Structures are given as C-alpha cells and as structure tokens.
PDB file of N, CA and C in Angstrom:
ATOM      1  N   MET A   1       0.819  -1.207  -0.017  1.00  0.00           N
ATOM      2  CA  MET A   1       0.048   0.032   0.055  1.00  0.00           C
ATOM      3  C   MET A   1       0.913   1.190   0.031  1.00  0.00           C
ATOM      4  N   GLU A   2       0.576   2.150  -0.906  1.00  0.00           N
ATOM      5  CA  GLU A   2       1.427   3.401  -1.022  1.00  0.00           C
ATOM      6  C   GLU A   2       0.649   4.593  -0.538  1.00  0.00           C
ATOM      7  N   PHE A   3       1.361   5.323   0.303  1.00  0.00           N
ATOM      8  CA  PHE A   3       0.693   6.582   0.930  1.00  0.00           C
ATOM      9  C   PHE A   3       1.042   7.743   0.009  1.00  0.00           C
ATOM     10  N   THR A   4       0.048   8.435  -0.359  1.00  0.00           N
ATOM     11  CA  THR A   4       0.191   9.674  -1.078  1.00  0.00           C
ATOM     12  C   THR A   4      -0.409  10.764  -0.371  1.00  0.00           C
ATOM     13  N   ILE A   5       0.122  12.012  -0.535  1.00  0.00           N
ATOM     14  CA  ILE A   5      -0.408  13.150   0.111  1.00  0.00           C
ATOM     15  C   ILE A   5      -1.204  14.011  -0.976  1.00  0.00           C
ATOM     16  N   SER A   6      -2.374  14.232  -0.664  1.00  0.00           N
ATOM     17  CA  SER A   6      -3.202  14.984  -1.696  1.00  0.00           C
ATOM     18  C   SER A   6      -2.682  16.369  -1.873  1.00  0.00           C
ATOM     19  N   ASN A   7      -3.016  16.888  -3.048  1.00  0.00           N
ATOM     20  CA  ASN A   7      -2.733  18.264  -3.435  1.00  0.00           C
ATOM     21  C   ASN A   7      -3.181  19.334  -2.386  1.00  0.00           C
ATOM     22  N   ARG A   8      -4.434  19.034  -1.946  1.00  0.00           N
ATOM     23  CA  ARG A   8      -4.972  20.019  -0.988  1.00  0.00           C
ATOM     24  C   ARG A   8      -4.164  20.042   0.265  1.00  0.00           C
ATOM     25  N   ALA A   9      -3.781  18.850   0.827  1.00  0.00           N
ATOM     26  CA  ALA A   9      -2.944  18.868   2.016  1.00  0.00           C
ATOM     27  C   ALA A   9      -1.577  19.552   1.790  1.00  0.00           C
ATOM     28  N   LYS A  10      -0.959  19.318   0.560  1.00  0.00           N
ATOM     29  CA  LYS A  10       0.250  19.903   0.245  1.00  0.00           C
ATOM     30  C   LYS A  10       0.147  21.470   0.178  1.00  0.00           C
ATOM     31  N   ASN A  11      -0.888  22.037  -0.456  1.00  0.00           N
ATOM     32  CA  ASN A  11      -1.111  23.391  -0.539  1.00  0.00           C
ATOM     33  C   ASN A  11      -1.382  24.003   0.828  1.00  0.00           C
ATOM     34  N   PHE A  12      -2.074  23.256   1.664  1.00  0.00           N
ATOM     35  CA  PHE A  12      -2.382  23.799   2.936  1.00  0.00           C
ATOM     36  C   PHE A  12      -1.106  23.855   3.757  1.00  0.00           C
ATOM     37  N   SER A  13      -0.217  22.792   3.768  1.00  0.00           N
ATOM     38  CA  SER A  13       1.024  22.825   4.367  1.00  0.00           C
ATOM     39  C   SER A  13       2.037  23.914   3.895  1.00  0.00           C
ATOM     40  N   PHE A  14       2.074  24.158   2.678  1.00  0.00           N
ATOM     41  CA  PHE A  14       2.812  25.269   2.067  1.00  0.00           C
ATOM     42  C   PHE A  14       2.347  26.659   2.542  1.00  0.00           C
ATOM     43  N   ALA A  15       0.986  26.756   2.663  1.00  0.00           N
ATOM     44  CA  ALA A  15       0.389  28.081   3.129  1.00  0.00           C
ATOM     45  C   ALA A  15       0.706  28.251   4.583  1.00  0.00           C
ATOM     46  N   LEU A  16       0.800  27.184   5.438  1.00  0.00           N
ATOM     47  CA  LEU A  16       1.139  27.454   6.863  1.00  0.00           C
ATOM     48  C   LEU A  16       2.608  27.621   7.026  1.00  0.00           C
ATOM     49  N   ILE A  17       3.468  27.025   6.174  1.00  0.00           N
ATOM     50  CA  ILE A  17       4.890  27.325   6.096  1.00  0.00           C
ATOM     51  C   ILE A  17       5.107  28.848   5.769  1.00  0.00           C
ATOM     52  N   GLY A  18       4.358  29.301   4.779  1.00  0.00           N
ATOM     53  CA  GLY A  18       4.490  30.695   4.378  1.00  0.00           C
ATOM     54  C   GLY A  18       4.031  31.694   5.530  1.00  0.00           C
ATOM     55  N   VAL A  19       2.996  31.319   6.193  1.00  0.00           N
ATOM     56  CA  VAL A  19       2.475  32.139   7.340  1.00  0.00           C
ATOM     57  C   VAL A  19       3.535  32.201   8.425  1.00  0.00           C
ATOM     58  N   GLY A  20       4.112  31.060   8.738  1.00  0.00           N
ATOM     59  CA  GLY A  20       5.220  30.996   9.717  1.00  0.00           C
ATOM     60  C   GLY A  20       6.375  31.788   9.413  1.00  0.00           C
ATOM     61  N   LEU A  21       6.808  31.693   8.098  1.00  0.00           N
ATOM     62  CA  LEU A  21       7.939  32.575   7.634  1.00  0.00           C
ATOM     63  C   LEU A  21       7.677  34.067   7.707  1.00  0.00           C
ATOM     64  N   VAL A  22       6.461  34.417   7.312  1.00  0.00           N
ATOM     65  CA  VAL A  22       6.116  35.927   7.379  1.00  0.00           C
ATOM     66  C   VAL A  22       6.010  36.217   8.807  1.00  0.00           C
ATOM     67  N   GLY A  23       5.543  35.430   9.725  1.00  0.00           N
ATOM     68  CA  GLY A  23       5.555  35.835  11.168  1.00  0.00           C
ATOM     69  C   GLY A  23       6.848  35.922  11.711  1.00  0.00           C
ATOM     70  N   THR A  24       7.725  35.119  11.314  1.00  0.00           N
ATOM     71  CA  THR A  24       9.179  35.051  11.860  1.00  0.00           C
ATOM     72  C   THR A  24       9.840  36.365  11.303  1.00  0.00           C
ATOM     73  N   ILE A  25       9.606  36.687  10.091  1.00  0.00           N
ATOM     74  CA  ILE A  25      10.361  37.877   9.570  1.00  0.00           C
ATOM     75  C   ILE A  25       9.775  39.057  10.195  1.00  0.00           C
ATOM     76  N   ALA A  26       8.350  39.084  10.325  1.00  0.00           N
ATOM     77  CA  ALA A  26       7.782  40.302  10.965  1.00  0.00           C
ATOM     78  C   ALA A  26       8.320  40.427  12.485  1.00  0.00           C
ATOM     79  N   GLY A  27       8.393  39.343  13.114  1.00  0.00           N
ATOM     80  CA  GLY A  27       8.887  39.327  14.575  1.00  0.00           C
ATOM     81  C   GLY A  27      10.248  39.870  14.592  1.00  0.00           C
ATOM     82  N   PHE A  28      11.122  39.542  13.632  1.00  0.00           N
ATOM     83  CA  PHE A  28      12.559  40.105  13.664  1.00  0.00           C
ATOM     84  C   PHE A  28      12.539  41.582  13.476  1.00  0.00           C
ATOM     85  N   PHE A  29      11.707  42.085  12.443  1.00  0.00           N
ATOM     86  CA  PHE A  29      11.765  43.542  12.191  1.00  0.00           C
ATOM     87  C   PHE A  29      10.991  44.398  13.209  1.00  0.00           C
ATOM     88  N   MET A  30      10.077  43.735  13.979  1.00  0.00           N
ATOM     89  CA  MET A  30       9.244  44.513  14.873  1.00  0.00           C
ATOM     90  C   MET A  30       9.913  44.529  16.220  1.00  0.00           C
ATOM     91  N   ASP A  31      11.022  43.823  16.480  1.00  0.00           N
ATOM     92  CA  ASP A  31      11.707  43.729  17.702  1.00  0.00           C
ATOM     93  C   ASP A  31      12.626  44.994  17.712  1.00  0.00           C
ATOM     94  N   HIS A  32      12.361  45.856  18.657  1.00  0.00           N
ATOM     95  CA  HIS A  32      13.209  47.082  18.749  1.00  0.00           C
ATOM     96  C   HIS A  32      14.215  47.010  19.893  1.00  0.00           C
ATOM     97  N   SER A  33      14.452  45.816  20.463  1.00  0.00           N
ATOM     98  CA  SER A  33      15.532  45.748  21.535  1.00  0.00           C
ATOM     99  C   SER A  33      16.846  45.773  20.753  1.00  0.00           C
ATOM    100  N   GLU A  34      17.846  46.029  21.729  1.00  0.00           N
ATOM    101  CA  GLU A  34      19.232  46.168  21.182  1.00  0.00           C
ATOM    102  C   GLU A  34      19.639  44.704  20.643  1.00  0.00           C
ATOM    103  N   HIS A  35      20.207  44.813  19.297  1.00  0.00           N
ATOM    104  CA  HIS A  35      20.629  43.588  18.543  1.00  0.00           C
ATOM    105  C   HIS A  35      19.531  42.518  18.533  1.00  0.00           C
ATOM    106  N   HIS A  36      18.254  42.822  18.509  1.00  0.00           N
ATOM    107  CA  HIS A  36      17.153  41.898  18.453  1.00  0.00           C
ATOM    108  C   HIS A  36      17.245  40.790  19.428  1.00  0.00           C
ATOM    109  N   GLN A  37      17.571  41.260  20.757  1.00  0.00           N
ATOM    110  CA  GLN A  37      17.776  40.181  21.743  1.00  0.00           C
ATOM    111  C   GLN A  37      16.534  39.370  22.072  1.00  0.00           C
ATOM    112  N   GLN A  38      15.247  40.010  22.007  1.00  0.00           N
ATOM    113  CA  GLN A  38      14.132  39.325  22.373  1.00  0.00           C
ATOM    114  C   GLN A  38      13.803  38.176  21.231  1.00  0.00           C
ATOM    115  N   PHE A  39      14.092  38.493  19.994  1.00  0.00           N
ATOM    116  CA  PHE A  39      13.809  37.642  18.899  1.00  0.00           C
ATOM    117  C   PHE A  39      14.759  36.378  18.977  1.00  0.00           C
ATOM    118  N   TRP A  40      16.052  36.604  19.351  1.00  0.00           N
ATOM    119  CA  TRP A  40      16.931  35.443  19.509  1.00  0.00           C
ATOM    120  C   TRP A  40      16.624  34.597  20.707  1.00  0.00           C
ATOM    121  N   ALA A  41      16.228  35.337  21.813  1.00  0.00           N
ATOM    122  CA  ALA A  41      15.824  34.638  23.041  1.00  0.00           C
ATOM    123  C   ALA A  41      14.570  33.734  22.736  1.00  0.00           C
ATOM    124  N   ASN A  42      13.645  34.206  22.034  1.00  0.00           N
ATOM    125  CA  ASN A  42      12.481  33.437  21.671  1.00  0.00           C
ATOM    126  C   ASN A  42      12.811  32.314  20.812  1.00  0.00           C
ATOM    127  N   LEU A  43      13.700  32.479  19.820  1.00  0.00           N
ATOM    128  CA  LEU A  43      14.027  31.498  19.000  1.00  0.00           C
ATOM    129  C   LEU A  43      14.916  30.324  19.683  1.00  0.00           C
ATOM    130  N   LEU A  44      15.696  30.655  20.661  1.00  0.00           N
ATOM    131  CA  LEU A  44      16.314  29.663  21.510  1.00  0.00           C
ATOM    132  C   LEU A  44      15.446  28.876  22.287  1.00  0.00           C
ATOM    133  N   VAL A  45      14.401  29.562  22.999  1.00  0.00           N
ATOM    134  CA  VAL A  45      13.595  28.878  23.866  1.00  0.00           C
ATOM    135  C   VAL A  45      12.733  27.968  23.030  1.00  0.00           C
ATOM    136  N   ASN A  46      12.294  28.356  21.786  1.00  0.00           N
ATOM    137  CA  ASN A  46      11.384  27.492  20.961  1.00  0.00           C
ATOM    138  C   ASN A  46      12.293  26.306  20.438  1.00  0.00           C
ATOM    139  N   GLY A  47      13.448  26.478  20.102  1.00  0.00           N
ATOM    140  CA  GLY A  47      14.430  25.381  19.698  1.00  0.00           C
ATOM    141  C   GLY A  47      14.627  24.359  20.775  1.00  0.00           C
ATOM    142  N   PHE A  48      14.755  24.826  21.940  1.00  0.00           N
ATOM    143  CA  PHE A  48      15.033  24.027  23.083  1.00  0.00           C
ATOM    144  C   PHE A  48      13.826  23.334  23.504  1.00  0.00           C
ATOM    145  N   PHE A  49      12.615  23.901  23.437  1.00  0.00           N
ATOM    146  CA  PHE A  49      11.415  23.222  23.650  1.00  0.00           C
ATOM    147  C   PHE A  49      11.169  21.957  22.800  1.00  0.00           C
ATOM    148  N   PHE A  50      11.330  22.244  21.346  1.00  0.00           N
ATOM    149  CA  PHE A  50      11.087  21.044  20.597  1.00  0.00           C
ATOM    150  C   PHE A  50      12.338  20.008  20.605  1.00  0.00           C
ATOM    151  N   PHE A  51      13.449  20.462  20.957  1.00  0.00           N
ATOM    152  CA  PHE A  51      14.601  19.533  21.193  1.00  0.00           C
ATOM    153  C   PHE A  51      14.309  18.659  22.369  1.00  0.00           C
ATOM    154  N   ALA A  52      13.755  19.213  23.448  1.00  0.00           N
ATOM    155  CA  ALA A  52      13.457  18.480  24.670  1.00  0.00           C
ATOM    156  C   ALA A  52      12.333  17.388  24.285  1.00  0.00           C
ATOM    157  N   ILE A  53      11.337  17.789  23.526  1.00  0.00           N
ATOM    158  CA  ILE A  53      10.230  16.772  23.147  1.00  0.00           C
ATOM    159  C   ILE A  53      10.979  15.638  22.353  1.00  0.00           C
ATOM    160  N   ALA A  54      11.817  16.019  21.474  1.00  0.00           N
ATOM    161  CA  ALA A  54      12.414  14.896  20.595  1.00  0.00           C
ATOM    162  C   ALA A  54      13.328  13.996  21.527  1.00  0.00           C
ATOM    163  N   ILE A  55      13.991  14.564  22.481  1.00  0.00           N
ATOM    164  CA  ILE A  55      14.871  13.847  23.328  1.00  0.00           C
ATOM    165  C   ILE A  55      14.062  12.903  24.289  1.00  0.00           C
ATOM    166  N   ALA A  56      12.967  13.367  24.716  1.00  0.00           N
ATOM    167  CA  ALA A  56      12.122  12.579  25.636  1.00  0.00           C
ATOM    168  C   ALA A  56      11.584  11.432  24.734  1.00  0.00           C
ATOM    169  N   ALA A  57      11.128  11.705  23.571  1.00  0.00           N
ATOM    170  CA  ALA A  57      10.632  10.548  22.723  1.00  0.00           C
ATOM    171  C   ALA A  57      11.769   9.565  22.475  1.00  0.00           C
ATOM    172  N   LEU A  58      12.913   9.972  22.225  1.00  0.00           N
ATOM    173  CA  LEU A  58      13.922   9.074  21.976  1.00  0.00           C
ATOM    174  C   LEU A  58      14.343   8.233  23.220  1.00  0.00           C
ATOM    175  N   PHE A  59      14.263   8.868  24.294  1.00  0.00           N
ATOM    176  CA  PHE A  59      14.442   8.165  25.598  1.00  0.00           C
ATOM    177  C   PHE A  59      13.436   7.105  25.869  1.00  0.00           C
ATOM    178  N   MET A  60      12.137   7.428  25.620  1.00  0.00           N
ATOM    179  CA  MET A  60      11.150   6.428  25.856  1.00  0.00           C
ATOM    180  C   MET A  60      11.284   5.352  24.867  1.00  0.00           C
ATOM    181  N   LEU A  61      11.618   5.610  23.598  1.00  0.00           N
ATOM    182  CA  LEU A  61      11.767   4.582  22.583  1.00  0.00           C
ATOM    183  C   LEU A  61      12.969   3.693  22.951  1.00  0.00           C
ATOM    184  N   ALA A  62      14.106   4.219  23.391  1.00  0.00           N
ATOM    185  CA  ALA A  62      15.293   3.493  23.844  1.00  0.00           C
ATOM    186  C   ALA A  62      14.922   2.578  25.025  1.00  0.00           C
ATOM    187  N   LEU A  63      14.064   3.166  25.927  1.00  0.00           N
ATOM    188  CA  LEU A  63      13.736   2.351  27.125  1.00  0.00           C
ATOM    189  C   LEU A  63      12.815   1.162  26.785  1.00  0.00           C
ATOM    190  N   GLN A  64      11.972   1.343  25.840  1.00  0.00           N
ATOM    191  CA  GLN A  64      11.172   0.281  25.439  1.00  0.00           C
ATOM    192  C   GLN A  64      11.945  -0.832  24.734  1.00  0.00           C
ATOM    193  N   TYR A  65      12.880  -0.406  23.864  1.00  0.00           N
ATOM    194  CA  TYR A  65      13.706  -1.401  23.276  1.00  0.00           C
ATOM    195  C   TYR A  65      14.662  -2.113  24.239  1.00  0.00           C
ATOM    196  N   ALA A  66      15.131  -1.372  25.256  1.00  0.00           N
ATOM    197  CA  ALA A  66      16.102  -2.036  26.171  1.00  0.00           C
ATOM    198  C   ALA A  66      15.324  -3.013  27.131  1.00  0.00           C
ATOM    199  N   THR A  67      14.111  -2.714  27.475  1.00  0.00           N
ATOM    200  CA  THR A  67      13.240  -3.568  28.349  1.00  0.00           C
ATOM    201  C   THR A  67      12.505  -4.656  27.720  1.00  0.00           C
ATOM    202  N   GLU A  68      12.446  -4.520  26.369  1.00  0.00           N
ATOM    203  CA  GLU A  68      11.572  -5.372  25.529  1.00  0.00           C
ATOM    204  C   GLU A  68      10.158  -5.451  26.035  1.00  0.00           C
ATOM    205  N   SER A  69       9.570  -4.284  26.398  1.00  0.00           N
ATOM    206  CA  SER A  69       8.292  -4.187  26.927  1.00  0.00           C
ATOM    207  C   SER A  69       7.216  -4.428  25.841  1.00  0.00           C
ATOM    208  N   ALA A  70       6.155  -5.038  26.152  1.00  0.00           N
ATOM    209  CA  ALA A  70       5.041  -5.334  25.268  1.00  0.00           C
ATOM    210  C   ALA A  70       4.084  -4.145  25.212  1.00  0.00           C
ATOM    211  N   TRP A  71       3.979  -3.448  26.264  1.00  0.00           N
ATOM    212  CA  TRP A  71       3.074  -2.302  26.221  1.00  0.00           C
ATOM    213  C   TRP A  71       3.446  -1.162  25.333  1.00  0.00           C
ATOM    214  N   GLY A  72       4.848  -1.156  24.960  1.00  0.00           N
ATOM    215  CA  GLY A  72       5.208  -0.119  24.153  1.00  0.00           C
ATOM    216  C   GLY A  72       4.786  -0.156  22.645  1.00  0.00           C
ATOM    217  N   VAL A  73       4.179  -1.354  22.331  1.00  0.00           N
ATOM    218  CA  VAL A  73       3.653  -1.513  20.898  1.00  0.00           C
ATOM    219  C   VAL A  73       2.579  -0.387  20.626  1.00  0.00           C
ATOM    220  N   VAL A  74       1.911   0.057  21.429  1.00  0.00           N
ATOM    221  CA  VAL A  74       0.832   0.995  21.303  1.00  0.00           C
ATOM    222  C   VAL A  74       1.422   2.371  21.007  1.00  0.00           C
ATOM    223  N   THR A  75       2.487   2.712  21.694  1.00  0.00           N
ATOM    224  CA  THR A  75       2.981   4.093  21.654  1.00  0.00           C
ATOM    225  C   THR A  75       4.194   4.182  20.770  1.00  0.00           C
ATOM    226  N   LYS A  76       4.718   2.989  20.307  1.00  0.00           N
ATOM    227  CA  LYS A  76       5.980   3.128  19.661  1.00  0.00           C
ATOM    228  C   LYS A  76       5.999   3.918  18.359  1.00  0.00           C
ATOM    229  N   ARG A  77       4.921   3.688  17.569  1.00  0.00           N
ATOM    230  CA  ARG A  77       4.756   4.478  16.272  1.00  0.00           C
ATOM    231  C   ARG A  77       4.732   5.988  16.572  1.00  0.00           C
ATOM    232  N   VAL A  78       4.107   6.339  17.717  1.00  0.00           N
ATOM    233  CA  VAL A  78       4.063   7.852  17.961  1.00  0.00           C
ATOM    234  C   VAL A  78       5.406   8.373  18.255  1.00  0.00           C
ATOM    235  N   TYR A  79       6.173   7.737  19.049  1.00  0.00           N
ATOM    236  CA  TYR A  79       7.518   8.101  19.298  1.00  0.00           C
ATOM    237  C   TYR A  79       8.420   8.123  18.081  1.00  0.00           C
ATOM    238  N   GLU A  80       8.199   7.211  17.236  1.00  0.00           N
ATOM    239  CA  GLU A  80       9.117   7.132  15.942  1.00  0.00           C
ATOM    240  C   GLU A  80       8.735   8.234  15.073  1.00  0.00           C
ATOM    241  N   ALA A  81       7.661   8.725  15.093  1.00  0.00           N
ATOM    242  CA  ALA A  81       7.128   9.827  14.243  1.00  0.00           C
ATOM    243  C   ALA A  81       7.809  11.050  14.632  1.00  0.00           C
TER     244      ALA A  81
END
C-alpha cells in the first residue's frame, strides 16, 4: 500500500509554512530591542522546547527497546514519528 499526500494537503502545508515565515520575519523587524535580543531569545527557547520533546521521545523509545516491553507497541509508532 502506497501512501500519497493529496494536493489540497500539500497546498495547506505550504500556506502554513508561508504564514510561519512571514510571522518570523515580521517578529524580527518589529523587535526594537538592542541587537534583536528578544527575537533570538524566543528562537532559542522555541528550539530548546522542541529539542526536549524529541529527546524525551528518543529516551522512551530506547527504554522500550532495552526492556523489551510489550506495552510499548501501542505508543512506539508515535515516538518514532
């Protein structure tokens, strides 16, 4: 079975990417602090937040493989995604 993404979903994803880019650029130029400190601080916190989520998922996946637990079958695909 082959999974294909519809054109409507692709267009919607690209539209959301565009909105995110416009928002990021607007945030950079609307930041009037010295050397855009607030913008870079927000970017750092955002990056750390998603990095922490990825590390937590990796830890749970490694824990399930190490312990060979059967209950992990339900959540394994979520962590791998």
